[in-house]
């Protein structure tokens, strides 16, 4: 089984409030086929807001809930949409073989 692929940390311009704490940074995981269920790939590549907001709770770390995603600042949502488009348009890296001692 291959290792999951993650985006770099995305520092949120507008942190998400969770009770007394704030989520200031998130990471996205490259979605698997099951997480894309019910979504159109073309919509995700084009940054469709509905498609992006449905996918984000499935691939964010820490996991964001629907209401948190719906309340995200548009700048932060756009950055996430851009990262999702990169995931969908970039082939996964092939595992590298470790060098054999000679």
PDB file of N, CA and C in Angstrom:
ATOM      1  N   UNK A   1       0.843  -1.169   0.000  1.00  0.00           N
ATOM      2  CA  UNK A   1       0.000   0.000   0.000  1.00  0.00           C
ATOM      3  C   UNK A   1       0.888   1.233   0.000  1.00  0.00           C
ATOM      4  N   UNK A   2       0.525   2.221  -0.804  1.00  0.00           N
ATOM      5  CA  UNK A   2       1.356   3.415  -0.911  1.00  0.00           C
ATOM      6  C   UNK A   2       1.062   4.385   0.231  1.00  0.00           C
ATOM      7  N   UNK A   3       2.051   5.205   0.500  1.00  0.00           N
ATOM      8  CA  UNK A   3       1.919   6.221   1.545  1.00  0.00           C
ATOM      9  C   UNK A   3       1.041   7.360   1.036  1.00  0.00           C
ATOM     10  N   UNK A   4       0.217   7.952   1.895  1.00  0.00           N
ATOM     11  CA  UNK A   4      -0.582   9.100   1.472  1.00  0.00           C
ATOM     12  C   UNK A   4       0.309  10.285   1.113  1.00  0.00           C
ATOM     13  N   UNK A   5      -0.181  11.110   0.211  1.00  0.00           N
ATOM     14  CA  UNK A   5       0.539  12.300  -0.208  1.00  0.00           C
ATOM     15  C   UNK A   5      -0.172  13.501   0.401  1.00  0.00           C
ATOM     16  N   UNK A   6       0.591  14.389   0.982  1.00  0.00           N
ATOM     17  CA  UNK A   6       0.033  15.562   1.657  1.00  0.00           C
ATOM     18  C   UNK A   6       0.515  16.844   1.005  1.00  0.00           C
ATOM     19  N   UNK A   7      -0.311  17.877   1.111  1.00  0.00           N
ATOM     20  CA  UNK A   7       0.115  19.212   0.694  1.00  0.00           C
ATOM     21  C   UNK A   7       1.069  19.748   1.751  1.00  0.00           C
ATOM     22  N   UNK A   8       1.704  20.831   1.434  1.00  0.00           N
ATOM     23  CA  UNK A   8       2.436  21.534   2.476  1.00  0.00           C
ATOM     24  C   UNK A   8       1.423  22.180   3.396  1.00  0.00           C
ATOM     25  N   UNK A   9       1.851  22.637   4.542  1.00  0.00           N
ATOM     26  CA  UNK A   9       0.919  23.312   5.446  1.00  0.00           C
ATOM     27  C   UNK A   9       0.317  24.552   4.774  1.00  0.00           C
ATOM     28  N   UNK A  10      -0.974  24.734   4.972  1.00  0.00           N
ATOM     29  CA  UNK A  10      -1.669  25.910   4.458  1.00  0.00           C
ATOM     30  C   UNK A  10      -2.016  26.776   5.663  1.00  0.00           C
ATOM     31  N   UNK A  11      -1.319  27.904   5.781  1.00  0.00           N
ATOM     32  CA  UNK A  11      -1.602  28.829   6.877  1.00  0.00           C
ATOM     33  C   UNK A  11      -2.862  29.607   6.520  1.00  0.00           C
ATOM     34  N   UNK A  12      -3.842  29.529   7.386  1.00  0.00           N
ATOM     35  CA  UNK A  12      -5.119  30.176   7.118  1.00  0.00           C
ATOM     36  C   UNK A  12      -5.038  31.675   7.379  1.00  0.00           C
ATOM     37  N   UNK A  13      -5.518  32.469   6.430  1.00  0.00           N
ATOM     38  CA  UNK A  13      -5.556  33.919   6.604  1.00  0.00           C
ATOM     39  C   UNK A  13      -6.555  34.279   7.703  1.00  0.00           C
ATOM     40  N   UNK A  14      -7.625  33.488   7.792  1.00  0.00           N
ATOM     41  CA  UNK A  14      -8.658  33.687   8.814  1.00  0.00           C
ATOM     42  C   UNK A  14      -8.777  32.367   9.588  1.00  0.00           C
ATOM     43  N   UNK A  15      -8.141  32.263  10.764  1.00  0.00           N
ATOM     44  CA  UNK A  15      -8.217  31.015  11.529  1.00  0.00           C
ATOM     45  C   UNK A  15      -9.659  30.591  11.796  1.00  0.00           C
ATOM     46  N   UNK A  16      -9.851  29.286  11.945  1.00  0.00           N
ATOM     47  CA  UNK A  16     -11.162  28.716  12.229  1.00  0.00           C
ATOM     48  C   UNK A  16     -11.277  28.528  13.728  1.00  0.00           C
ATOM     49  N   UNK A  17     -12.318  29.090  14.315  1.00  0.00           N
ATOM     50  CA  UNK A  17     -12.512  28.988  15.769  1.00  0.00           C
ATOM     51  C   UNK A  17     -13.198  27.670  16.123  1.00  0.00           C
ATOM     52  N   UNK A  18     -12.629  26.977  17.111  1.00  0.00           N
ATOM     53  CA  UNK A  18     -13.172  25.735  17.664  1.00  0.00           C
ATOM     54  C   UNK A  18     -13.231  25.909  19.165  1.00  0.00           C
ATOM     55  N   UNK A  19     -14.354  26.373  19.631  1.00  0.00           N
ATOM     56  CA  UNK A  19     -14.447  26.612  21.067  1.00  0.00           C
ATOM     57  C   UNK A  19     -13.425  27.648  21.484  1.00  0.00           C
ATOM     58  N   UNK A  20     -12.531  27.260  22.403  1.00  0.00           N
ATOM     59  CA  UNK A  20     -11.510  28.180  22.904  1.00  0.00           C
ATOM     60  C   UNK A  20     -10.238  28.171  22.058  1.00  0.00           C
ATOM     61  N   UNK A  21     -10.142  27.244  21.112  1.00  0.00           N
ATOM     62  CA  UNK A  21      -8.927  27.150  20.303  1.00  0.00           C
ATOM     63  C   UNK A  21      -9.191  27.643  18.882  1.00  0.00           C
ATOM     64  N   UNK A  22      -8.120  27.844  18.159  1.00  0.00           N
ATOM     65  CA  UNK A  22      -8.201  28.252  16.762  1.00  0.00           C
ATOM     66  C   UNK A  22      -7.366  27.316  15.916  1.00  0.00           C
ATOM     67  N   UNK A  23      -7.906  26.944  14.752  1.00  0.00           N
ATOM     68  CA  UNK A  23      -7.143  26.188  13.767  1.00  0.00           C
ATOM     69  C   UNK A  23      -6.519  27.234  12.856  1.00  0.00           C
ATOM     70  N   UNK A  24      -5.199  27.329  12.907  1.00  0.00           N
ATOM     71  CA  UNK A  24      -4.489  28.357  12.144  1.00  0.00           C
ATOM     72  C   UNK A  24      -3.836  27.797  10.888  1.00  0.00           C
ATOM     73  N   UNK A  25      -3.760  26.468  10.817  1.00  0.00           N
ATOM     74  CA  UNK A  25      -3.058  25.830   9.713  1.00  0.00           C
ATOM     75  C   UNK A  25      -3.701  24.472   9.439  1.00  0.00           C
ATOM     76  N   UNK A  26      -3.840  24.132   8.167  1.00  0.00           N
ATOM     77  CA  UNK A  26      -4.354  22.814   7.798  1.00  0.00           C
ATOM     78  C   UNK A  26      -3.433  22.187   6.763  1.00  0.00           C
ATOM     79  N   UNK A  27      -3.559  20.903   6.607  1.00  0.00           N
ATOM     80  CA  UNK A  27      -2.859  20.147   5.577  1.00  0.00           C
ATOM     81  C   UNK A  27      -3.908  19.346   4.832  1.00  0.00           C
ATOM     82  N   UNK A  28      -3.744  19.223   3.536  1.00  0.00           N
ATOM     83  CA  UNK A  28      -4.658  18.424   2.735  1.00  0.00           C
ATOM     84  C   UNK A  28      -3.974  17.131   2.326  1.00  0.00           C
ATOM     85  N   UNK A  29      -4.745  16.045   2.330  1.00  0.00           N
ATOM     86  CA  UNK A  29      -4.255  14.745   1.874  1.00  0.00           C
ATOM     87  C   UNK A  29      -4.794  14.504   0.476  1.00  0.00           C
ATOM     88  N   UNK A  30      -3.949  14.018  -0.404  1.00  0.00           N
ATOM     89  CA  UNK A  30      -4.393  13.686  -1.759  1.00  0.00           C
ATOM     90  C   UNK A  30      -5.568  12.718  -1.652  1.00  0.00           C
ATOM     91  N   UNK A  31      -6.715  13.059  -2.269  1.00  0.00           N
ATOM     92  CA  UNK A  31      -7.890  12.201  -2.105  1.00  0.00           C
ATOM     93  C   UNK A  31      -7.749  10.876  -2.842  1.00  0.00           C
ATOM     94  N   UNK A  32      -8.337   9.852  -2.253  1.00  0.00           N
ATOM     95  CA  UNK A  32      -8.442   8.572  -2.920  1.00  0.00           C
ATOM     96  C   UNK A  32      -9.748   8.525  -3.703  1.00  0.00           C
ATOM     97  N   UNK A  33      -9.910   7.507  -4.504  1.00  0.00           N
ATOM     98  CA  UNK A  33     -11.105   7.392  -5.337  1.00  0.00           C
ATOM     99  C   UNK A  33     -12.385   7.411  -4.513  1.00  0.00           C
ATOM    100  N   UNK A  34     -12.407   6.738  -3.378  1.00  0.00           N
ATOM    101  CA  UNK A  34     -13.605   6.695  -2.544  1.00  0.00           C
ATOM    102  C   UNK A  34     -14.000   8.058  -2.013  1.00  0.00           C
ATOM    103  N   UNK A  35     -13.023   8.904  -1.745  1.00  0.00           N
ATOM    104  CA  UNK A  35     -13.312  10.237  -1.217  1.00  0.00           C
ATOM    105  C   UNK A  35     -13.854  11.175  -2.297  1.00  0.00           C
ATOM    106  N   UNK A  36     -13.704  10.777  -3.540  1.00  0.00           N
ATOM    107  CA  UNK A  36     -14.214  11.576  -4.652  1.00  0.00           C
ATOM    108  C   UNK A  36     -15.639  11.168  -5.039  1.00  0.00           C
ATOM    109  N   UNK A  37     -16.167  10.173  -4.353  1.00  0.00           N
ATOM    110  CA  UNK A  37     -17.516   9.680  -4.627  1.00  0.00           C
ATOM    111  C   UNK A  37     -18.532  10.812  -4.606  1.00  0.00           C
ATOM    112  N   UNK A  38     -19.381  10.873  -5.618  1.00  0.00           N
ATOM    113  CA  UNK A  38     -20.423  11.885  -5.677  1.00  0.00           C
ATOM    114  C   UNK A  38     -19.956  13.235  -6.187  1.00  0.00           C
ATOM    115  N   UNK A  39     -18.696  13.339  -6.567  1.00  0.00           N
ATOM    116  CA  UNK A  39     -18.146  14.605  -7.055  1.00  0.00           C
ATOM    117  C   UNK A  39     -17.700  14.452  -8.507  1.00  0.00           C
ATOM    118  N   UNK A  40     -17.718  15.542  -9.242  1.00  0.00           N
ATOM    119  CA  UNK A  40     -17.232  15.545 -10.619  1.00  0.00           C
ATOM    120  C   UNK A  40     -15.805  16.081 -10.618  1.00  0.00           C
ATOM    121  N   UNK A  41     -14.907  15.303 -11.214  1.00  0.00           N
ATOM    122  CA  UNK A  41     -13.505  15.720 -11.241  1.00  0.00           C
ATOM    123  C   UNK A  41     -13.337  17.072 -11.919  1.00  0.00           C
ATOM    124  N   UNK A  42     -14.067  17.296 -12.999  1.00  0.00           N
ATOM    125  CA  UNK A  42     -13.960  18.580 -13.709  1.00  0.00           C
ATOM    126  C   UNK A  42     -14.345  19.735 -12.792  1.00  0.00           C
ATOM    127  N   UNK A  43     -15.365  19.530 -11.951  1.00  0.00           N
ATOM    128  CA  UNK A  43     -15.766  20.586 -11.016  1.00  0.00           C
ATOM    129  C   UNK A  43     -14.645  20.902 -10.030  1.00  0.00           C
ATOM    130  N   UNK A  44     -13.966  19.863  -9.554  1.00  0.00           N
ATOM    131  CA  UNK A  44     -12.867  20.085  -8.607  1.00  0.00           C
ATOM    132  C   UNK A  44     -11.700  20.806  -9.274  1.00  0.00           C
ATOM    133  N   UNK A  45     -11.353  20.391 -10.485  1.00  0.00           N
ATOM    134  CA  UNK A  45     -10.245  21.027 -11.193  1.00  0.00           C
ATOM    135  C   UNK A  45     -10.561  22.497 -11.466  1.00  0.00           C
ATOM    136  N   UNK A  46     -11.831  22.794 -11.729  1.00  0.00           N
ATOM    137  CA  UNK A  46     -12.232  24.175 -12.016  1.00  0.00           C
ATOM    138  C   UNK A  46     -12.479  24.987 -10.750  1.00  0.00           C
ATOM    139  N   UNK A  47     -12.371  24.366  -9.587  1.00  0.00           N
ATOM    140  CA  UNK A  47     -12.532  25.084  -8.329  1.00  0.00           C
ATOM    141  C   UNK A  47     -13.976  25.366  -7.966  1.00  0.00           C
ATOM    142  N   UNK A  48     -14.890  24.514  -8.421  1.00  0.00           N
ATOM    143  CA  UNK A  48     -16.303  24.686  -8.079  1.00  0.00           C
ATOM    144  C   UNK A  48     -16.465  24.675  -6.565  1.00  0.00           C
ATOM    145  N   UNK A  49     -17.083  25.723  -6.037  1.00  0.00           N
ATOM    146  CA  UNK A  49     -17.191  25.890  -4.588  1.00  0.00           C
ATOM    147  C   UNK A  49     -17.928  24.723  -3.938  1.00  0.00           C
ATOM    148  N   UNK A  50     -19.026  24.280  -4.525  1.00  0.00           N
ATOM    149  CA  UNK A  50     -19.792  23.181  -3.941  1.00  0.00           C
ATOM    150  C   UNK A  50     -18.957  21.910  -3.878  1.00  0.00           C
ATOM    151  N   UNK A  51     -18.256  21.592  -4.957  1.00  0.00           N
ATOM    152  CA  UNK A  51     -17.434  20.382  -4.991  1.00  0.00           C
ATOM    153  C   UNK A  51     -16.284  20.465  -3.983  1.00  0.00           C
ATOM    154  N   UNK A  52     -15.632  21.603  -3.936  1.00  0.00           N
ATOM    155  CA  UNK A  52     -14.496  21.778  -3.017  1.00  0.00           C
ATOM    156  C   UNK A  52     -14.963  21.681  -1.566  1.00  0.00           C
ATOM    157  N   UNK A  53     -16.080  22.337  -1.244  1.00  0.00           N
ATOM    158  CA  UNK A  53     -16.552  22.310   0.148  1.00  0.00           C
ATOM    159  C   UNK A  53     -17.054  20.927   0.549  1.00  0.00           C
ATOM    160  N   UNK A  54     -17.475  20.114  -0.396  1.00  0.00           N
ATOM    161  CA  UNK A  54     -17.874  18.734  -0.073  1.00  0.00           C
ATOM    162  C   UNK A  54     -16.652  17.842   0.150  1.00  0.00           C
ATOM    163  N   UNK A  55     -15.569  18.121  -0.572  1.00  0.00           N
ATOM    164  CA  UNK A  55     -14.371  17.286  -0.461  1.00  0.00           C
ATOM    165  C   UNK A  55     -13.511  17.633   0.757  1.00  0.00           C
ATOM    166  N   UNK A  56     -13.403  18.894   1.101  1.00  0.00           N
ATOM    167  CA  UNK A  56     -12.478  19.295   2.166  1.00  0.00           C
ATOM    168  C   UNK A  56     -12.665  18.547   3.484  1.00  0.00           C
ATOM    169  N   UNK A  57     -13.884  18.335   3.991  1.00  0.00           N
ATOM    170  CA  UNK A  57     -13.987  17.590   5.256  1.00  0.00           C
ATOM    171  C   UNK A  57     -13.432  16.162   5.167  1.00  0.00           C
ATOM    172  N   UNK A  58     -13.321  15.651   3.981  1.00  0.00           N
ATOM    173  CA  UNK A  58     -12.825  14.282   3.779  1.00  0.00           C
ATOM    174  C   UNK A  58     -11.301  14.205   3.749  1.00  0.00           C
ATOM    175  N   UNK A  59     -10.618  15.351   3.516  1.00  0.00           N
ATOM    176  CA  UNK A  59      -9.163  15.282   3.293  1.00  0.00           C
ATOM    177  C   UNK A  59      -8.348  16.266   4.119  1.00  0.00           C
ATOM    178  N   UNK A  60      -8.958  16.984   5.039  1.00  0.00           N
ATOM    179  CA  UNK A  60      -8.198  17.969   5.828  1.00  0.00           C
ATOM    180  C   UNK A  60      -7.645  17.349   7.098  1.00  0.00           C
ATOM    181  N   UNK A  61      -6.498  17.872   7.518  1.00  0.00           N
ATOM    182  CA  UNK A  61      -5.922  17.528   8.813  1.00  0.00           C
ATOM    183  C   UNK A  61      -5.505  18.822   9.472  1.00  0.00           C
ATOM    184  N   UNK A  62      -6.017  19.173  10.619  1.00  0.00           N
ATOM    185  CA  UNK A  62      -7.040  18.439  11.342  1.00  0.00           C
ATOM    186  C   UNK A  62      -8.339  18.410  10.527  1.00  0.00           C
ATOM    187  N   UNK A  63      -9.163  17.412  10.785  1.00  0.00           N
ATOM    188  CA  UNK A  63     -10.405  17.257  10.051  1.00  0.00           C
ATOM    189  C   UNK A  63     -11.339  18.423  10.342  1.00  0.00           C
ATOM    190  N   UNK A  64     -11.769  19.088   9.269  1.00  0.00           N
ATOM    191  CA  UNK A  64     -12.730  20.177   9.398  1.00  0.00           C
ATOM    192  C   UNK A  64     -14.128  19.626   9.163  1.00  0.00           C
ATOM    193  N   UNK A  65     -15.105  20.144   9.874  1.00  0.00           N
ATOM    194  CA  UNK A  65     -16.497  19.730   9.669  1.00  0.00           C
ATOM    195  C   UNK A  65     -17.133  20.653   8.627  1.00  0.00           C
ATOM    196  N   UNK A  66     -18.274  20.223   8.101  1.00  0.00           N
ATOM    197  CA  UNK A  66     -18.951  20.979   7.040  1.00  0.00           C
ATOM    198  C   UNK A  66     -19.144  22.448   7.393  1.00  0.00           C
ATOM    199  N   UNK A  67     -19.576  22.730   8.619  1.00  0.00           N
ATOM    200  CA  UNK A  67     -19.841  24.108   9.022  1.00  0.00           C
ATOM    201  C   UNK A  67     -18.565  24.946   9.029  1.00  0.00           C
ATOM    202  N   UNK A  68     -17.454  24.346   9.419  1.00  0.00           N
ATOM    203  CA  UNK A  68     -16.181  25.073   9.431  1.00  0.00           C
ATOM    204  C   UNK A  68     -15.747  25.403   8.001  1.00  0.00           C
ATOM    205  N   UNK A  69     -15.905  24.450   7.103  1.00  0.00           N
ATOM    206  CA  UNK A  69     -15.542  24.686   5.705  1.00  0.00           C
ATOM    207  C   UNK A  69     -16.449  25.757   5.105  1.00  0.00           C
ATOM    208  N   UNK A  70     -17.747  25.676   5.401  1.00  0.00           N
ATOM    209  CA  UNK A  70     -18.704  26.654   4.871  1.00  0.00           C
ATOM    210  C   UNK A  70     -18.395  28.071   5.361  1.00  0.00           C
ATOM    211  N   UNK A  71     -17.774  28.188   6.513  1.00  0.00           N
ATOM    212  CA  UNK A  71     -17.446  29.493   7.072  1.00  0.00           C
ATOM    213  C   UNK A  71     -16.044  29.984   6.756  1.00  0.00           C
ATOM    214  N   UNK A  72     -15.297  29.223   5.938  1.00  0.00           N
ATOM    215  CA  UNK A  72     -13.923  29.620   5.613  1.00  0.00           C
ATOM    216  C   UNK A  72     -13.889  30.919   4.831  1.00  0.00           C
ATOM    217  N   UNK A  73     -12.827  31.675   5.047  1.00  0.00           N
ATOM    218  CA  UNK A  73     -12.580  32.868   4.254  1.00  0.00           C
ATOM    219  C   UNK A  73     -12.368  32.448   2.800  1.00  0.00           C
ATOM    220  N   UNK A  74     -12.841  33.247   1.862  1.00  0.00           N
ATOM    221  CA  UNK A  74     -12.751  32.917   0.440  1.00  0.00           C
ATOM    222  C   UNK A  74     -11.291  32.747  -0.007  1.00  0.00           C
ATOM    223  N   UNK A  75     -10.371  33.503   0.563  1.00  0.00           N
ATOM    224  CA  UNK A  75      -8.954  33.355   0.217  1.00  0.00           C
ATOM    225  C   UNK A  75      -8.455  31.962   0.600  1.00  0.00           C
ATOM    226  N   UNK A  76      -8.807  31.518   1.803  1.00  0.00           N
ATOM    227  CA  UNK A  76      -8.377  30.197   2.270  1.00  0.00           C
ATOM    228  C   UNK A  76      -9.023  29.094   1.438  1.00  0.00           C
ATOM    229  N   UNK A  77     -10.298  29.257   1.105  1.00  0.00           N
ATOM    230  CA  UNK A  77     -10.988  28.265   0.283  1.00  0.00           C
ATOM    231  C   UNK A  77     -10.340  28.167  -1.097  1.00  0.00           C
ATOM    232  N   UNK A  78      -9.960  29.305  -1.650  1.00  0.00           N
ATOM    233  CA  UNK A  78      -9.307  29.320  -2.959  1.00  0.00           C
ATOM    234  C   UNK A  78      -7.959  28.615  -2.912  1.00  0.00           C
ATOM    235  N   UNK A  79      -7.210  28.831  -1.853  1.00  0.00           N
ATOM    236  CA  UNK A  79      -5.912  28.144  -1.716  1.00  0.00           C
ATOM    237  C   UNK A  79      -6.103  26.635  -1.644  1.00  0.00           C
ATOM    238  N   UNK A  80      -7.134  26.198  -0.931  1.00  0.00           N
ATOM    239  CA  UNK A  80      -7.433  24.766  -0.846  1.00  0.00           C
ATOM    240  C   UNK A  80      -7.855  24.226  -2.212  1.00  0.00           C
ATOM    241  N   UNK A  81      -8.689  24.974  -2.930  1.00  0.00           N
ATOM    242  CA  UNK A  81      -9.127  24.550  -4.265  1.00  0.00           C
ATOM    243  C   UNK A  81      -7.936  24.416  -5.207  1.00  0.00           C
ATOM    244  N   UNK A  82      -6.999  25.340  -5.113  1.00  0.00           N
ATOM    245  CA  UNK A  82      -5.796  25.270  -5.952  1.00  0.00           C
ATOM    246  C   UNK A  82      -4.986  24.015  -5.640  1.00  0.00           C
ATOM    247  N   UNK A  83      -4.855  23.691  -4.368  1.00  0.00           N
ATOM    248  CA  UNK A  83      -4.093  22.505  -3.971  1.00  0.00           C
ATOM    249  C   UNK A  83      -4.791  21.226  -4.455  1.00  0.00           C
ATOM    250  N   UNK A  84      -6.107  21.187  -4.373  1.00  0.00           N
ATOM    251  CA  UNK A  84      -6.868  20.030  -4.861  1.00  0.00           C
ATOM    252  C   UNK A  84      -6.648  19.870  -6.361  1.00  0.00           C
ATOM    253  N   UNK A  85      -6.684  20.962  -7.118  1.00  0.00           N
ATOM    254  CA  UNK A  85      -6.459  20.899  -8.564  1.00  0.00           C
ATOM    255  C   UNK A  85      -5.068  20.343  -8.871  1.00  0.00           C
ATOM    256  N   UNK A  86      -4.078  20.736  -8.082  1.00  0.00           N
ATOM    257  CA  UNK A  86      -2.720  20.210  -8.279  1.00  0.00           C
ATOM    258  C   UNK A  86      -2.707  18.701  -8.032  1.00  0.00           C
ATOM    259  N   UNK A  87      -3.353  18.252  -6.954  1.00  0.00           N
ATOM    260  CA  UNK A  87      -3.419  16.815  -6.670  1.00  0.00           C
ATOM    261  C   UNK A  87      -4.001  16.046  -7.853  1.00  0.00           C
ATOM    262  N   UNK A  88      -5.055  16.581  -8.451  1.00  0.00           N
ATOM    263  CA  UNK A  88      -5.768  15.874  -9.511  1.00  0.00           C
ATOM    264  C   UNK A  88      -5.049  15.928 -10.848  1.00  0.00           C
ATOM    265  N   UNK A  89      -4.125  16.854 -11.007  1.00  0.00           N
ATOM    266  CA  UNK A  89      -3.445  17.006 -12.287  1.00  0.00           C
ATOM    267  C   UNK A  89      -1.978  16.588 -12.256  1.00  0.00           C
ATOM    268  N   UNK A  90      -1.520  16.089 -11.121  1.00  0.00           N
ATOM    269  CA  UNK A  90      -0.132  15.678 -10.968  1.00  0.00           C
ATOM    270  C   UNK A  90      -0.085  14.186 -10.674  1.00  0.00           C
ATOM    271  N   UNK A  91       0.682  13.430 -11.450  1.00  0.00           N
ATOM    272  CA  UNK A  91       0.755  11.991 -11.161  1.00  0.00           C
ATOM    273  C   UNK A  91       1.430  11.747  -9.814  1.00  0.00           C
ATOM    274  N   UNK A  92       1.038  10.661  -9.152  1.00  0.00           N
ATOM    275  CA  UNK A  92       1.694  10.347  -7.876  1.00  0.00           C
ATOM    276  C   UNK A  92       3.158  10.016  -8.115  1.00  0.00           C
ATOM    277  N   UNK A  93       3.965  10.320  -7.134  1.00  0.00           N
ATOM    278  CA  UNK A  93       5.391   9.998  -7.229  1.00  0.00           C
ATOM    279  C   UNK A  93       5.573   8.495  -7.105  1.00  0.00           C
ATOM    280  N   UNK A  94       6.431   7.965  -7.945  1.00  0.00           N
ATOM    281  CA  UNK A  94       6.736   6.540  -7.842  1.00  0.00           C
ATOM    282  C   UNK A  94       7.687   6.325  -6.687  1.00  0.00           C
ATOM    283  N   UNK A  95       7.507   5.210  -5.959  1.00  0.00           N
ATOM    284  CA  UNK A  95       8.426   4.959  -4.850  1.00  0.00           C
ATOM    285  C   UNK A  95       9.848   4.815  -5.367  1.00  0.00           C
ATOM    286  N   UNK A  96      10.776   5.372  -4.632  1.00  0.00           N
ATOM    287  CA  UNK A  96      12.177   5.255  -5.039  1.00  0.00           C
ATOM    288  C   UNK A  96      12.766   4.032  -4.355  1.00  0.00           C
ATOM    289  N   UNK A  97      13.603   3.363  -5.108  1.00  0.00           N
ATOM    290  CA  UNK A  97      14.281   2.190  -4.537  1.00  0.00           C
ATOM    291  C   UNK A  97      15.460   2.676  -3.723  1.00  0.00           C
ATOM    292  N   UNK A  98      15.632   2.059  -2.595  1.00  0.00           N
ATOM    293  CA  UNK A  98      16.779   2.419  -1.770  1.00  0.00           C
ATOM    294  C   UNK A  98      18.034   1.873  -2.439  1.00  0.00           C
ATOM    295  N   UNK A  99      19.062   2.652  -2.364  1.00  0.00           N
ATOM    296  CA  UNK A  99      20.323   2.233  -2.991  1.00  0.00           C
ATOM    297  C   UNK A  99      20.830   0.977  -2.284  1.00  0.00           C
ATOM    298  N   UNK A 100      21.263   0.037  -3.088  1.00  0.00           N
ATOM    299  CA  UNK A 100      21.818  -1.199  -2.551  1.00  0.00           C
ATOM    300  C   UNK A 100      23.283  -0.992  -2.214  1.00  0.00           C
ATOM    301  N   UNK A 101      23.712  -1.466  -1.058  1.00  0.00           N
ATOM    302  CA  UNK A 101      25.138  -1.344  -0.746  1.00  0.00           C
ATOM    303  C   UNK A 101      25.954  -2.190  -1.697  1.00  0.00           C
ATOM    304  N   UNK A 102      27.065  -1.650  -2.141  1.00  0.00           N
ATOM    305  CA  UNK A 102      27.909  -2.402  -3.085  1.00  0.00           C
ATOM    306  C   UNK A 102      29.037  -3.074  -2.411  1.00  0.00           C
TER     307      UNK A 102
END
